[in-house]
Amino acid sequence: MAHPGPHPALTAAADAARAAYTDARARHDRATLAETVEQGADGTPTMRIDRLVEDAVLRALEPHRVNVLSEESGWVDRGSEISLVIDPLDGSANGAAGVPLTAFAGTVAVAGEFTESYTSWLDTGRGWWAHREAPTAYRTSGRRELAGAALSMLRPHTAKPGPAAAWWAAASRAARVRVLSTTCLEAALVAEGATDAFADACSDTHRLVDLAAATVLVGRAGGVVLDVRGRPVEFTTDLTRRWSGVVAATEELGRELVGVLHEAAASAHR
């Protein structure tokens, strides 16, 4: 039986994010958009562009009466069985600077279980929707080994010996490395086979809002979402929890990448 399509709260949030992002870019210069205006619920600085987009998304979600876990505002409890985990603007620094690599990502959780997700490339309007019980046309590349792979990673944290060693260990084995600075978009590219894997090289940068959508989208496309340290990527309202996410085309590639990163980081401290 065909699935009826995206939850209306998902589409409302994505539409609001794109409209607010477009409006913010039109109204403000780069310095204004990049200005830190507060500390977010996840403990990291909130740029003005983050606040403008998230405020618009939260307003759009009010009629839907779902709980919301969002990067800047944290947990909004409306007493619903349905929760929406959202990253209204992934790639904030890109967006503020005018680099067209930004995304909205939203994931529906029912009684704490992720059921569907939608990722929208805000600069183009291109989107990826998946439901765990619905067929999808997305397929990963199917690559099973890191040698020869196209790999995306977060930037190398050169001041930290473990993450720096892990980054270079993975990069030296891959055929191509990209740093796009937008986890949600990079995960979508793994889902459709444009790249083989994406990873945070042991820096524990990822929050749930960065990885939740990938667990549904990439999982339905045949890939996996793992954590370098083996922590499950599961629903939580605690935005202080961190992961070093690995998003890979196959279980085999994901496990190999986790092993390479973990061993290199451990060796740097011996």
Protein backbone atom coordinates (compact mmCIF):
# COMPACT_ATOMS: atom_id res chain seq x y z
CA MET A 1 0.00 0.00 0.00
CA ALA A 2 1.38 3.41 -0.94
CA HIS A 3 2.36 5.72 1.88
CA PRO A 4 0.39 8.99 1.95
CA GLY A 5 3.54 11.12 1.92
CA PRO A 6 5.39 13.43 4.30
CA HIS A 7 3.91 14.43 7.62
CA PRO A 8 2.44 17.94 7.21
CA ALA A 9 4.58 19.25 10.05
CA LEU A 10 7.70 18.22 8.12
CA THR A 11 6.70 20.04 4.97
CA ALA A 12 5.52 23.12 6.89
CA ALA A 13 8.86 23.31 8.70
CA ALA A 14 10.90 22.84 5.52
CA ASP A 15 8.90 25.45 3.61
CA ALA A 16 9.27 27.95 6.45
CA ALA A 17 13.01 27.32 6.67
CA ARG A 18 13.58 27.94 2.99
CA ALA A 19 11.43 31.10 2.93
CA ALA A 20 13.13 32.54 6.03
CA TYR A 21 16.60 31.66 4.75
CA THR A 22 15.92 33.34 1.40
CA ASP A 23 14.49 36.41 3.13
CA ALA A 24 17.41 36.67 5.57
CA ARG A 25 19.93 36.53 2.75
CA ALA A 26 18.05 39.25 0.87
CA ARG A 27 17.66 41.60 3.86
CA HIS A 28 21.00 41.38 5.65
CA ASP A 29 24.67 41.57 4.78
CA ARG A 30 27.14 38.81 5.60
CA ALA A 31 28.49 40.38 8.78
CA THR A 32 24.99 40.82 10.20
CA LEU A 33 23.99 37.25 9.41
CA ALA A 34 27.16 35.86 11.00
CA GLU A 35 26.83 37.88 14.21
CA THR A 36 26.50 35.81 17.39
CA VAL A 37 23.23 36.76 19.08
CA GLU A 38 23.02 34.16 21.88
CA GLN A 39 24.10 30.72 23.05
CA GLY A 40 21.99 27.91 21.67
CA ALA A 41 20.45 25.06 23.65
CA ASP A 42 23.23 22.81 22.38
CA GLY A 43 25.86 25.04 24.01
CA THR A 44 27.25 26.52 20.80
CA PRO A 45 26.94 30.12 19.56
CA THR A 46 23.79 31.05 17.67
CA MET A 47 24.27 33.21 14.58
CA ARG A 48 21.64 35.75 13.61
CA ILE A 49 20.84 33.70 10.50
CA ASP A 50 20.18 30.66 12.73
CA ARG A 51 17.78 32.63 14.90
CA LEU A 52 15.87 34.09 11.97
CA VAL A 53 15.35 30.72 10.33
CA GLU A 54 14.53 28.79 13.49
CA ASP A 55 12.02 31.39 14.71
CA ALA A 56 10.16 31.11 11.40
CA VAL A 57 10.14 27.32 11.60
CA LEU A 58 8.83 27.29 15.17
CA ARG A 59 6.02 29.66 14.20
CA ALA A 60 5.08 27.41 11.29
CA LEU A 61 4.94 24.38 13.60
CA GLU A 62 2.65 25.92 16.23
CA PRO A 63 -0.62 24.80 14.52
CA HIS A 64 0.62 21.20 14.30
CA ARG A 65 0.94 20.80 18.07
CA VAL A 66 3.90 18.43 17.88
CA ASN A 67 6.81 18.41 20.30
CA VAL A 68 9.95 19.98 18.84
CA LEU A 69 13.63 19.42 19.48
CA SER A 70 15.54 22.18 17.72
CA GLU A 71 19.19 23.17 17.65
CA GLU A 72 18.89 26.66 19.13
CA SER A 73 15.73 26.54 21.25
CA GLY A 74 16.05 22.99 22.56
CA TRP A 75 13.05 20.94 23.67
CA VAL A 76 9.53 22.30 23.22
CA ASP A 77 7.12 19.89 24.94
CA ARG A 78 3.52 20.07 23.75
CA GLY A 79 2.47 16.77 25.29
CA SER A 80 2.25 14.99 21.95
CA GLU A 81 3.22 11.42 21.09
CA ILE A 82 4.83 12.88 17.96
CA SER A 83 8.10 14.81 18.13
CA LEU A 84 9.93 16.63 15.38
CA VAL A 85 13.74 16.71 15.58
CA ILE A 86 14.93 19.59 13.43
CA ASP A 87 18.05 21.33 12.29
CA PRO A 88 16.48 24.43 10.72
CA LEU A 89 19.75 25.62 9.17
CA ASP A 90 22.59 23.16 8.83
CA GLY A 91 25.67 24.88 7.42
CA SER A 92 25.08 28.21 9.15
CA ALA A 93 28.57 29.54 8.39
CA ASN A 94 28.07 28.66 4.73
CA GLY A 95 24.73 30.43 4.66
CA ALA A 96 26.00 33.57 6.34
CA ALA A 97 28.98 33.76 3.98
CA GLY A 98 26.95 33.15 0.82
CA VAL A 99 28.26 29.63 0.14
CA PRO A 100 25.27 27.75 -1.33
CA LEU A 101 25.63 24.63 0.81
CA THR A 102 22.96 24.73 3.50
CA ALA A 103 20.15 22.40 4.50
CA PHE A 104 17.05 21.95 6.59
CA ALA A 105 16.63 18.52 8.14
CA GLY A 106 13.61 17.25 10.06
CA THR A 107 12.81 13.85 11.51
CA VAL A 108 9.52 12.58 12.91
CA ALA A 109 9.74 10.47 16.05
CA VAL A 110 6.66 8.60 17.24
CA ALA A 111 6.90 7.47 20.86
CA GLY A 112 10.66 7.98 20.57
CA GLU A 113 11.12 5.94 17.37
CA PHE A 114 12.27 7.69 14.18
CA THR A 115 9.73 7.04 11.42
CA GLU A 116 10.39 9.51 8.61
CA SER A 117 12.67 12.35 7.60
CA TYR A 118 12.93 15.18 5.13
CA THR A 119 16.10 17.00 4.11
CA SER A 120 15.93 20.13 1.97
CA TRP A 121 18.84 21.80 0.20
CA LEU A 122 17.83 25.37 1.02
CA ASP A 123 19.78 27.03 -1.79
CA THR A 124 18.14 24.95 -4.52
CA GLY A 125 14.88 23.58 -3.10
CA ARG A 126 15.94 20.01 -3.83
CA GLY A 127 14.63 17.59 -1.21
CA TRP A 128 14.95 14.02 0.08
CA TRP A 129 12.05 12.36 1.92
CA ALA A 130 12.02 8.86 3.36
CA HIS A 131 9.74 6.79 5.57
CA ARG A 132 10.94 3.62 7.24
CA GLU A 133 7.90 1.71 5.93
CA ALA A 134 7.73 3.19 2.42
CA PRO A 135 9.71 2.23 -0.68
CA THR A 136 12.33 4.72 -1.82
CA ALA A 137 14.14 5.34 -5.08
CA TYR A 138 17.31 6.36 -3.26
CA ARG A 139 20.18 3.88 -3.30
CA THR A 140 23.65 4.25 -1.90
CA SER A 141 26.69 3.51 -4.05
CA GLY A 142 27.05 0.09 -2.44
CA ARG A 143 30.77 0.56 -1.86
CA ARG A 144 32.16 -1.85 0.74
CA GLU A 145 35.72 -0.62 1.29
CA LEU A 146 37.43 2.67 2.08
CA ALA A 147 40.19 2.26 -0.52
CA GLY A 148 39.07 4.16 -3.59
CA ALA A 149 36.05 5.69 -1.87
CA ALA A 150 34.70 9.21 -2.20
CA LEU A 151 34.65 10.49 1.37
CA SER A 152 33.23 13.64 2.95
CA MET A 153 34.37 14.72 6.40
CA LEU A 154 34.06 17.54 8.86
CA ARG A 155 37.08 19.83 8.85
CA PRO A 156 40.20 18.41 10.53
CA HIS A 157 40.65 19.47 14.17
CA THR A 158 44.40 19.94 13.92
CA ALA A 159 44.81 21.22 17.49
CA LYS A 160 43.60 17.88 18.90
CA PRO A 161 46.06 15.00 18.31
CA GLY A 162 43.47 12.21 18.25
CA PRO A 163 40.96 13.76 15.83
CA ALA A 164 43.78 15.13 13.64
CA ALA A 165 45.36 11.68 13.33
CA ALA A 166 41.98 10.09 12.65
CA TRP A 167 41.17 12.62 9.91
CA TRP A 168 44.42 12.02 8.06
CA ALA A 169 44.21 8.25 8.45
CA ALA A 170 40.82 8.15 6.73
CA ALA A 171 41.78 10.75 4.11
CA SER A 172 44.92 8.85 3.15
CA ARG A 173 42.91 5.74 2.33
CA ALA A 174 40.13 7.39 0.32
CA ALA A 175 40.38 8.32 -3.35
CA ARG A 176 38.67 11.69 -2.89
CA VAL A 177 37.91 13.87 0.14
CA ARG A 178 35.42 16.72 0.36
CA VAL A 179 34.69 19.15 3.17
CA LEU A 180 31.28 20.74 2.53
CA SER A 181 30.48 21.81 6.12
CA THR A 182 26.88 20.62 6.10
CA THR A 183 26.35 17.18 7.62
CA CYS A 184 22.68 16.86 6.70
CA LEU A 185 23.30 17.56 3.02
CA GLU A 186 26.37 15.32 2.96
CA ALA A 187 24.33 12.46 4.44
CA ALA A 188 21.70 12.91 1.71
CA LEU A 189 24.44 12.63 -0.90
CA VAL A 190 25.45 9.29 0.62
CA ALA A 191 21.82 8.14 0.41
CA GLU A 192 21.62 8.79 -3.31
CA GLY A 193 25.04 7.36 -4.12
CA ALA A 194 26.78 10.62 -5.03
CA THR A 195 29.41 10.00 -2.36
CA ASP A 196 30.33 6.84 -0.50
CA ALA A 197 30.64 7.97 3.10
CA PHE A 198 30.72 10.91 5.47
CA ALA A 199 32.39 11.09 8.88
CA ASP A 200 33.27 13.19 11.88
CA ALA A 201 36.84 12.11 12.66
CA CYS A 202 36.45 11.59 16.41
CA SER A 203 35.77 15.23 17.34
CA ASP A 204 32.35 14.53 18.92
CA THR A 205 30.83 17.45 17.04
CA HIS A 206 27.50 15.91 16.02
CA ARG A 207 24.27 16.42 17.92
CA LEU A 208 21.06 14.47 17.37
CA VAL A 209 19.71 17.16 15.04
CA ASP A 210 22.68 16.54 12.72
CA LEU A 211 22.20 12.78 12.41
CA ALA A 212 18.54 11.93 13.03
CA ALA A 213 17.36 12.45 9.43
CA ALA A 214 20.18 10.29 8.10
CA THR A 215 19.13 7.34 10.25
CA VAL A 216 15.90 7.12 8.24
CA LEU A 217 17.01 8.34 4.81
CA VAL A 218 20.33 6.51 4.57
CA GLY A 219 18.95 3.43 6.28
CA ARG A 220 16.16 3.11 3.69
CA ALA A 221 18.70 3.63 0.89
CA GLY A 222 20.79 0.67 2.05
CA GLY A 223 23.39 2.44 4.16
CA VAL A 224 24.16 2.84 7.84
CA VAL A 225 24.62 5.56 10.43
CA LEU A 226 27.15 4.67 13.13
CA ASP A 227 29.14 6.38 15.85
CA VAL A 228 32.91 6.00 16.08
CA ARG A 229 32.63 5.14 19.78
CA GLY A 230 29.68 2.80 19.41
CA ARG A 231 27.03 5.04 20.94
CA PRO A 232 23.54 4.45 19.51
CA VAL A 233 22.01 7.32 17.56
CA GLU A 234 18.65 7.40 19.30
CA PHE A 235 15.97 9.87 20.31
CA THR A 236 16.83 12.08 23.26
CA THR A 237 15.85 15.58 24.33
CA ASP A 238 19.36 16.23 25.67
CA LEU A 239 21.18 18.44 23.16
CA THR A 240 24.40 18.23 25.16
CA ARG A 241 24.88 14.62 23.97
CA ARG A 242 27.45 14.29 21.22
CA TRP A 243 28.40 11.76 18.57
CA SER A 244 31.17 11.31 16.01
CA GLY A 245 28.86 10.18 13.25
CA VAL A 246 29.78 7.92 10.35
CA VAL A 247 27.32 7.73 7.45
CA ALA A 248 28.25 5.03 4.96
CA ALA A 249 26.94 3.30 1.85
CA THR A 250 27.16 -0.15 3.44
CA GLU A 251 27.66 -1.79 6.82
CA GLU A 252 31.07 -3.05 5.68
CA LEU A 253 32.31 0.40 4.68
CA GLY A 254 30.89 1.96 7.83
CA ARG A 255 32.59 -0.58 10.09
CA GLU A 256 35.91 -0.19 8.30
CA LEU A 257 35.76 3.59 8.54
CA VAL A 258 34.88 3.43 12.25
CA GLY A 259 37.84 1.11 12.81
CA VAL A 260 40.30 3.32 10.93
CA LEU A 261 39.18 6.45 12.79
CA HIS A 262 39.10 4.82 16.22
CA GLU A 263 42.50 3.15 15.89
CA ALA A 264 44.23 6.27 14.56
CA ALA A 265 42.80 8.44 17.34
CA ALA A 266 43.80 5.89 20.00
CA SER A 267 47.32 5.55 18.59
CA ALA A 268 47.86 9.30 18.79
CA HIS A 269 47.51 9.13 22.58
CA ARG A 270 49.79 6.13 23.17
